[in-house]
Amino acid sequence: MLFFWLSLAFVAGMMMPLQAGVNSTLALHSQGAIWASFISFLIGTLALFVIVVGMRFEWPLLSDLRQAPWWAWTGGFMGALFVSTGVFLAPRIGAATMIALFVAGQLITSVILDHLGWATFPQFDITLGRVLGVACLLVGVVLIRFY
């Protein structure tokens, strides 16, 4: 089962540059990055609605939603910022540089989140191996961008 989860993460990662390119193309036909991002989120919301209704998921209770910490509601904002940034940057810096920087930011933040065990993540210490992994990634970003 672990192989399935790892493969799913890899395939989801493959969607990042594709999504930025598709949305950047949409931006050319929809008055810019913000409209393209809005349309992208609208289509995603409709797709999720069809899945929720089609699979007959139980609706969350308002009383349960009210108990979520304030920061649990910020995911949509982060997603909107991420998608809009990708739409804006893709035609300016290219897919490889954009994704390299996205991945670098994600990995550095992930190592910190794991170390702190924050937001439901299991706690994993920052080790020399993790620090070296981040350093290798940063070298990769420089190589992708400048060579």
N, C-alpha and C. Protein backbone atom coordinates (compact mmCIF):
# COMPACT_ATOMS: atom_id res chain seq x y z
N MET A 1 0.82 -1.19 0.00
CA MET A 1 0.00 0.00 0.00
C MET A 1 0.87 1.26 0.00
N LEU A 2 2.04 1.18 0.67
CA LEU A 2 2.93 2.33 0.70
C LEU A 2 3.34 2.73 -0.71
N PHE A 3 3.60 1.76 -1.57
CA PHE A 3 3.97 2.06 -2.95
C PHE A 3 2.86 2.86 -3.65
N PHE A 4 1.61 2.50 -3.38
CA PHE A 4 0.49 3.23 -3.97
C PHE A 4 0.49 4.68 -3.51
N TRP A 5 0.68 4.90 -2.21
CA TRP A 5 0.67 6.27 -1.68
C TRP A 5 1.83 7.08 -2.24
N LEU A 6 3.00 6.46 -2.34
CA LEU A 6 4.16 7.15 -2.90
C LEU A 6 3.93 7.48 -4.38
N SER A 7 3.34 6.54 -5.10
CA SER A 7 3.04 6.77 -6.52
C SER A 7 2.01 7.88 -6.69
N LEU A 8 1.01 7.89 -5.82
CA LEU A 8 -0.01 8.93 -5.87
C LEU A 8 0.61 10.31 -5.65
N ALA A 9 1.53 10.41 -4.70
CA ALA A 9 2.22 11.69 -4.46
C ALA A 9 3.02 12.11 -5.68
N PHE A 10 3.69 11.15 -6.32
CA PHE A 10 4.48 11.45 -7.52
C PHE A 10 3.59 11.94 -8.65
N VAL A 11 2.48 11.26 -8.89
CA VAL A 11 1.57 11.65 -9.97
C VAL A 11 0.95 13.02 -9.67
N ALA A 12 0.58 13.26 -8.41
CA ALA A 12 0.04 14.58 -8.05
C ALA A 12 1.08 15.66 -8.31
N GLY A 13 2.34 15.37 -8.01
CA GLY A 13 3.41 16.32 -8.29
C GLY A 13 3.56 16.60 -9.77
N MET A 14 3.30 15.59 -10.60
CA MET A 14 3.37 15.78 -12.05
C MET A 14 2.31 16.77 -12.53
N MET A 15 1.24 16.90 -11.78
CA MET A 15 0.15 17.80 -12.19
C MET A 15 0.51 19.27 -11.98
N MET A 16 1.46 19.56 -11.09
CA MET A 16 1.79 20.97 -10.79
C MET A 16 2.22 21.76 -12.02
N PRO A 17 3.22 21.31 -12.78
CA PRO A 17 3.59 22.10 -13.95
C PRO A 17 2.52 22.08 -15.03
N LEU A 18 1.80 20.95 -15.14
CA LEU A 18 0.71 20.90 -16.12
C LEU A 18 -0.38 21.90 -15.78
N GLN A 19 -0.74 21.96 -14.50
CA GLN A 19 -1.78 22.89 -14.08
C GLN A 19 -1.37 24.33 -14.34
N ALA A 20 -0.14 24.66 -14.05
CA ALA A 20 0.33 26.03 -14.28
C ALA A 20 0.28 26.37 -15.77
N GLY A 21 0.69 25.44 -16.61
CA GLY A 21 0.65 25.70 -18.05
C GLY A 21 -0.76 25.81 -18.59
N VAL A 22 -1.62 24.91 -18.16
CA VAL A 22 -3.02 24.94 -18.60
C VAL A 22 -3.68 26.24 -18.15
N ASN A 23 -3.47 26.61 -16.89
CA ASN A 23 -4.08 27.83 -16.37
C ASN A 23 -3.48 29.08 -17.01
N SER A 24 -2.19 29.04 -17.34
CA SER A 24 -1.58 30.19 -18.03
C SER A 24 -2.17 30.36 -19.42
N THR A 25 -2.45 29.24 -20.08
CA THR A 25 -3.12 29.32 -21.38
C THR A 25 -4.52 29.89 -21.22
N LEU A 26 -5.23 29.46 -20.19
CA LEU A 26 -6.56 30.01 -19.92
C LEU A 26 -6.47 31.50 -19.63
N ALA A 27 -5.41 31.94 -18.97
CA ALA A 27 -5.24 33.37 -18.65
C ALA A 27 -5.17 34.21 -19.92
N LEU A 28 -4.61 33.65 -20.98
CA LEU A 28 -4.53 34.38 -22.25
C LEU A 28 -5.91 34.64 -22.84
N HIS A 29 -6.89 33.84 -22.43
CA HIS A 29 -8.23 33.93 -23.00
C HIS A 29 -9.27 34.40 -21.99
N SER A 30 -8.83 34.82 -20.81
CA SER A 30 -9.81 35.16 -19.77
C SER A 30 -9.45 36.43 -19.00
N GLN A 31 -8.76 37.34 -19.61
CA GLN A 31 -8.41 38.62 -18.98
C GLN A 31 -7.40 38.49 -17.85
N GLY A 32 -6.57 37.47 -17.84
CA GLY A 32 -5.46 37.43 -16.91
C GLY A 32 -5.47 36.31 -15.90
N ALA A 33 -4.42 36.34 -15.05
CA ALA A 33 -4.15 35.26 -14.11
C ALA A 33 -5.23 35.10 -13.04
N ILE A 34 -5.76 36.20 -12.55
CA ILE A 34 -6.75 36.10 -11.47
C ILE A 34 -8.03 35.45 -11.98
N TRP A 35 -8.50 35.87 -13.15
CA TRP A 35 -9.70 35.24 -13.72
C TRP A 35 -9.45 33.77 -14.03
N ALA A 36 -8.30 33.46 -14.58
CA ALA A 36 -7.99 32.06 -14.89
C ALA A 36 -7.96 31.23 -13.61
N SER A 37 -7.40 31.78 -12.55
CA SER A 37 -7.36 31.07 -11.27
C SER A 37 -8.76 30.88 -10.71
N PHE A 38 -9.58 31.91 -10.82
CA PHE A 38 -10.97 31.82 -10.36
C PHE A 38 -11.71 30.72 -11.12
N ILE A 39 -11.57 30.72 -12.43
CA ILE A 39 -12.24 29.71 -13.25
C ILE A 39 -11.73 28.31 -12.88
N SER A 40 -10.43 28.19 -12.68
CA SER A 40 -9.84 26.91 -12.28
C SER A 40 -10.43 26.42 -10.96
N PHE A 41 -10.52 27.30 -9.98
CA PHE A 41 -11.09 26.92 -8.70
C PHE A 41 -12.57 26.61 -8.82
N LEU A 42 -13.28 27.34 -9.65
CA LEU A 42 -14.70 27.07 -9.85
C LEU A 42 -14.91 25.68 -10.44
N ILE A 43 -14.13 25.33 -11.44
CA ILE A 43 -14.23 24.00 -12.05
C ILE A 43 -13.84 22.93 -11.04
N GLY A 44 -12.79 23.18 -10.27
CA GLY A 44 -12.39 22.24 -9.22
C GLY A 44 -13.48 22.06 -8.17
N THR A 45 -14.12 23.16 -7.78
CA THR A 45 -15.20 23.10 -6.80
C THR A 45 -16.37 22.28 -7.34
N LEU A 46 -16.72 22.52 -8.60
CA LEU A 46 -17.81 21.75 -9.22
C LEU A 46 -17.45 20.27 -9.29
N ALA A 47 -16.21 19.96 -9.64
CA ALA A 47 -15.78 18.56 -9.71
C ALA A 47 -15.88 17.90 -8.34
N LEU A 48 -15.43 18.59 -7.30
CA LEU A 48 -15.52 18.04 -5.95
C LEU A 48 -16.97 17.88 -5.50
N PHE A 49 -17.82 18.82 -5.90
CA PHE A 49 -19.25 18.71 -5.56
C PHE A 49 -19.85 17.46 -6.18
N VAL A 50 -19.53 17.21 -7.45
CA VAL A 50 -20.04 16.01 -8.13
C VAL A 50 -19.54 14.75 -7.41
N ILE A 51 -18.29 14.75 -6.99
CA ILE A 51 -17.73 13.59 -6.27
C ILE A 51 -18.43 13.40 -4.93
N VAL A 52 -18.60 14.48 -4.17
CA VAL A 52 -19.25 14.40 -2.86
C VAL A 52 -20.68 13.87 -3.00
N VAL A 53 -21.41 14.42 -3.95
CA VAL A 53 -22.80 13.99 -4.14
C VAL A 53 -22.85 12.58 -4.72
N GLY A 54 -22.02 12.32 -5.73
CA GLY A 54 -22.03 11.02 -6.38
C GLY A 54 -21.62 9.88 -5.47
N MET A 55 -20.69 10.13 -4.58
CA MET A 55 -20.22 9.08 -3.67
C MET A 55 -20.98 9.09 -2.35
N ARG A 56 -21.94 9.99 -2.25
CA ARG A 56 -22.82 10.08 -1.09
C ARG A 56 -22.06 10.24 0.23
N PHE A 57 -21.07 11.11 0.18
CA PHE A 57 -20.36 11.42 1.42
C PHE A 57 -21.31 12.11 2.39
N GLU A 58 -21.10 11.84 3.67
CA GLU A 58 -21.90 12.50 4.69
C GLU A 58 -21.46 13.96 4.80
N TRP A 59 -22.41 14.87 4.88
CA TRP A 59 -22.11 16.30 4.99
C TRP A 59 -21.56 16.59 6.39
N PRO A 60 -20.59 17.49 6.48
CA PRO A 60 -20.07 17.83 7.82
C PRO A 60 -21.11 18.59 8.62
N LEU A 61 -21.05 18.40 9.92
CA LEU A 61 -21.96 19.12 10.81
C LEU A 61 -21.41 20.51 11.08
N LEU A 62 -22.29 21.48 11.11
CA LEU A 62 -21.88 22.85 11.39
C LEU A 62 -21.20 22.94 12.75
N SER A 63 -21.69 22.19 13.71
CA SER A 63 -21.08 22.22 15.05
C SER A 63 -19.63 21.71 15.01
N ASP A 64 -19.35 20.72 14.16
CA ASP A 64 -17.97 20.24 14.01
C ASP A 64 -17.10 21.28 13.32
N LEU A 65 -17.63 21.91 12.29
CA LEU A 65 -16.87 22.92 11.55
C LEU A 65 -16.51 24.10 12.44
N ARG A 66 -17.41 24.46 13.33
CA ARG A 66 -17.17 25.59 14.23
C ARG A 66 -16.02 25.33 15.20
N GLN A 67 -15.70 24.07 15.43
CA GLN A 67 -14.64 23.72 16.37
C GLN A 67 -13.25 23.75 15.74
N ALA A 68 -13.18 23.89 14.43
CA ALA A 68 -11.88 23.93 13.76
C ALA A 68 -11.15 25.22 14.14
N PRO A 69 -9.83 25.14 14.37
CA PRO A 69 -9.08 26.36 14.68
C PRO A 69 -9.12 27.33 13.49
N TRP A 70 -8.92 28.59 13.76
CA TRP A 70 -9.04 29.61 12.71
C TRP A 70 -8.13 29.32 11.54
N TRP A 71 -6.92 28.83 11.82
CA TRP A 71 -5.95 28.63 10.74
C TRP A 71 -6.33 27.46 9.83
N ALA A 72 -7.23 26.59 10.29
CA ALA A 72 -7.67 25.48 9.45
C ALA A 72 -8.49 25.97 8.25
N TRP A 73 -8.96 27.20 8.31
CA TRP A 73 -9.76 27.78 7.24
C TRP A 73 -8.91 28.50 6.19
N THR A 74 -7.60 28.55 6.37
CA THR A 74 -6.75 29.32 5.47
C THR A 74 -6.26 28.53 4.26
N GLY A 75 -6.56 27.24 4.19
CA GLY A 75 -6.09 26.41 3.08
C GLY A 75 -6.56 26.89 1.71
N GLY A 76 -7.80 27.34 1.63
CA GLY A 76 -8.31 27.84 0.35
C GLY A 76 -7.56 29.08 -0.11
N PHE A 77 -7.25 29.97 0.83
CA PHE A 77 -6.46 31.16 0.50
C PHE A 77 -5.09 30.76 0.00
N MET A 78 -4.45 29.80 0.70
CA MET A 78 -3.12 29.35 0.27
C MET A 78 -3.19 28.72 -1.12
N GLY A 79 -4.22 27.94 -1.36
CA GLY A 79 -4.38 27.33 -2.68
C GLY A 79 -4.58 28.37 -3.76
N ALA A 80 -5.40 29.38 -3.47
CA ALA A 80 -5.63 30.45 -4.45
C ALA A 80 -4.34 31.21 -4.74
N LEU A 81 -3.57 31.49 -3.70
CA LEU A 81 -2.29 32.18 -3.89
C LEU A 81 -1.33 31.32 -4.71
N PHE A 82 -1.27 30.03 -4.41
CA PHE A 82 -0.39 29.12 -5.13
C PHE A 82 -0.77 29.04 -6.60
N VAL A 83 -2.05 28.82 -6.88
CA VAL A 83 -2.49 28.68 -8.28
C VAL A 83 -2.29 29.99 -9.03
N SER A 84 -2.68 31.10 -8.44
CA SER A 84 -2.52 32.40 -9.10
C SER A 84 -1.06 32.72 -9.37
N THR A 85 -0.20 32.40 -8.42
CA THR A 85 1.23 32.63 -8.60
C THR A 85 1.77 31.78 -9.74
N GLY A 86 1.35 30.52 -9.80
CA GLY A 86 1.77 29.64 -10.88
C GLY A 86 1.33 30.14 -12.24
N VAL A 87 0.09 30.61 -12.33
CA VAL A 87 -0.43 31.14 -13.59
C VAL A 87 0.39 32.35 -14.02
N PHE A 88 0.74 33.20 -13.07
CA PHE A 88 1.49 34.41 -13.37
C PHE A 88 2.94 34.09 -13.75
N LEU A 89 3.59 33.19 -13.00
CA LEU A 89 5.01 32.93 -13.19
C LEU A 89 5.34 32.03 -14.37
N ALA A 90 4.49 31.07 -14.68
CA ALA A 90 4.82 30.06 -15.69
C ALA A 90 5.31 30.66 -17.01
N PRO A 91 4.62 31.64 -17.57
CA PRO A 91 5.11 32.18 -18.84
C PRO A 91 6.30 33.13 -18.68
N ARG A 92 6.64 33.50 -17.45
CA ARG A 92 7.72 34.45 -17.23
C ARG A 92 9.06 33.78 -16.89
N ILE A 93 9.02 32.70 -16.13
CA ILE A 93 10.28 32.07 -15.72
C ILE A 93 10.39 30.62 -16.20
N GLY A 94 9.34 30.08 -16.80
CA GLY A 94 9.38 28.72 -17.31
C GLY A 94 8.98 27.69 -16.27
N ALA A 95 8.58 26.52 -16.76
CA ALA A 95 8.08 25.46 -15.88
C ALA A 95 9.16 24.94 -14.94
N ALA A 96 10.36 24.67 -15.46
CA ALA A 96 11.39 24.03 -14.63
C ALA A 96 11.83 24.92 -13.47
N THR A 97 12.09 26.19 -13.74
CA THR A 97 12.50 27.10 -12.67
C THR A 97 11.37 27.30 -11.67
N MET A 98 10.16 27.49 -12.17
CA MET A 98 9.02 27.72 -11.30
C MET A 98 8.82 26.52 -10.37
N ILE A 99 8.79 25.33 -10.93
CA ILE A 99 8.55 24.14 -10.12
C ILE A 99 9.72 23.88 -9.18
N ALA A 100 10.94 24.12 -9.64
CA ALA A 100 12.10 23.93 -8.76
C ALA A 100 11.98 24.82 -7.52
N LEU A 101 11.58 26.06 -7.73
CA LEU A 101 11.41 26.98 -6.59
C LEU A 101 10.21 26.59 -5.73
N PHE A 102 9.12 26.17 -6.38
CA PHE A 102 7.97 25.70 -5.61
C PHE A 102 8.37 24.52 -4.73
N VAL A 103 9.06 23.55 -5.34
CA VAL A 103 9.46 22.35 -4.59
C VAL A 103 10.43 22.71 -3.47
N ALA A 104 11.36 23.62 -3.74
CA ALA A 104 12.30 24.04 -2.69
C ALA A 104 11.54 24.66 -1.52
N GLY A 105 10.61 25.55 -1.82
CA GLY A 105 9.81 26.16 -0.76
C GLY A 105 8.98 25.12 -0.02
N GLN A 106 8.42 24.17 -0.76
CA GLN A 106 7.62 23.13 -0.13
C GLN A 106 8.47 22.23 0.77
N LEU A 107 9.64 21.85 0.28
CA LEU A 107 10.47 20.93 1.05
C LEU A 107 11.02 21.59 2.32
N ILE A 108 11.48 22.81 2.21
CA ILE A 108 11.99 23.51 3.39
C ILE A 108 10.87 23.66 4.43
N THR A 109 9.70 24.08 3.98
CA THR A 109 8.56 24.22 4.90
C THR A 109 8.17 22.87 5.48
N SER A 110 8.20 21.82 4.66
CA SER A 110 7.83 20.48 5.13
C SER A 110 8.78 19.97 6.21
N VAL A 111 10.06 20.21 6.04
CA VAL A 111 11.04 19.79 7.06
C VAL A 111 10.75 20.50 8.38
N ILE A 112 10.42 21.77 8.30
CA ILE A 112 10.09 22.53 9.52
C ILE A 112 8.79 22.02 10.13
N LEU A 113 7.76 21.79 9.30
CA LEU A 113 6.49 21.28 9.81
C LEU A 113 6.66 19.92 10.47
N ASP A 114 7.45 19.04 9.83
CA ASP A 114 7.72 17.73 10.43
C ASP A 114 8.44 17.88 11.77
N HIS A 115 9.41 18.76 11.82
CA HIS A 115 10.17 18.96 13.06
C HIS A 115 9.25 19.44 14.20
N LEU A 116 8.33 20.33 13.86
CA LEU A 116 7.42 20.87 14.87
C LEU A 116 6.23 19.96 15.15
N GLY A 117 5.93 19.06 14.21
CA GLY A 117 4.74 18.22 14.36
C GLY A 117 3.46 19.03 14.34
N TRP A 118 3.43 20.07 13.54
CA TRP A 118 2.31 21.00 13.53
C TRP A 118 1.25 20.59 12.51
N ALA A 119 0.01 20.98 12.73
CA ALA A 119 -1.10 20.80 11.78
C ALA A 119 -1.29 19.33 11.40
N THR A 120 -1.34 18.48 12.35
CA THR A 120 -1.59 17.03 12.22
C THR A 120 -0.44 16.23 11.62
N PHE A 121 0.71 16.85 11.34
CA PHE A 121 1.84 16.10 10.82
C PHE A 121 2.52 15.34 11.96
N PRO A 122 2.96 14.09 11.69
CA PRO A 122 3.74 13.40 12.72
C PRO A 122 5.08 14.11 12.89
N GLN A 123 5.64 14.03 14.08
CA GLN A 123 6.88 14.74 14.38
C GLN A 123 8.09 13.91 13.93
N PHE A 124 8.96 14.53 13.14
CA PHE A 124 10.23 13.95 12.71
C PHE A 124 11.30 15.01 12.92
N ASP A 125 12.36 14.64 13.61
CA ASP A 125 13.44 15.59 13.88
C ASP A 125 14.14 16.03 12.61
N ILE A 126 14.69 17.24 12.65
CA ILE A 126 15.57 17.69 11.57
C ILE A 126 16.90 16.97 11.77
N THR A 127 17.29 16.19 10.77
CA THR A 127 18.53 15.42 10.86
C THR A 127 19.53 15.96 9.84
N LEU A 128 20.76 15.51 9.98
CA LEU A 128 21.79 15.88 9.02
C LEU A 128 21.39 15.45 7.61
N GLY A 129 20.81 14.27 7.50
CA GLY A 129 20.36 13.80 6.19
C GLY A 129 19.31 14.70 5.57
N ARG A 130 18.38 15.18 6.37
CA ARG A 130 17.36 16.09 5.85
C ARG A 130 17.97 17.43 5.46
N VAL A 131 18.88 17.93 6.26
CA VAL A 131 19.55 19.19 5.92
C VAL A 131 20.34 19.04 4.62
N LEU A 132 21.06 17.93 4.47
CA LEU A 132 21.80 17.69 3.24
C LEU A 132 20.86 17.53 2.04
N GLY A 133 19.72 16.90 2.25
CA GLY A 133 18.73 16.78 1.19
C GLY A 133 18.23 18.13 0.72
N VAL A 134 17.94 19.02 1.66
CA VAL A 134 17.51 20.38 1.31
C VAL A 134 18.64 21.12 0.59
N ALA A 135 19.86 20.96 1.06
CA ALA A 135 21.01 21.63 0.41
C ALA A 135 21.16 21.14 -1.03
N CYS A 136 21.03 19.83 -1.24
CA CYS A 136 21.11 19.29 -2.61
C CYS A 136 20.01 19.87 -3.49
N LEU A 137 18.82 19.99 -2.92
CA LEU A 137 17.71 20.56 -3.68
C LEU A 137 18.00 22.01 -4.06
N LEU A 138 18.55 22.78 -3.14
CA LEU A 138 18.87 24.18 -3.44
C LEU A 138 19.95 24.27 -4.52
N VAL A 139 20.93 23.37 -4.48
CA VAL A 139 21.92 23.32 -5.57
C VAL A 139 21.21 23.01 -6.88
N GLY A 140 20.26 22.09 -6.84
CA GLY A 140 19.49 21.76 -8.03
C GLY A 140 18.72 22.95 -8.58
N VAL A 141 18.15 23.76 -7.71
CA VAL A 141 17.44 24.97 -8.15
C VAL A 141 18.39 25.89 -8.90
N VAL A 142 19.57 26.10 -8.35
CA VAL A 142 20.56 26.97 -9.01
C VAL A 142 20.96 26.40 -10.37
N LEU A 143 21.20 25.09 -10.43
CA LEU A 143 21.59 24.46 -11.70
C LEU A 143 20.48 24.57 -12.74
N ILE A 144 19.24 24.34 -12.31
CA ILE A 144 18.11 24.43 -13.24
C ILE A 144 17.94 25.85 -13.74
N ARG A 145 18.09 26.81 -12.87
CA ARG A 145 17.84 28.21 -13.24
C ARG A 145 18.96 28.80 -14.10
N PHE A 146 20.19 28.51 -13.76
CA PHE A 146 21.30 29.23 -14.39
C PHE A 146 22.13 28.41 -15.37
N TYR A 147 21.91 27.10 -15.45
CA TYR A 147 22.72 26.29 -16.35
C TYR A 147 21.82 25.48 -17.20
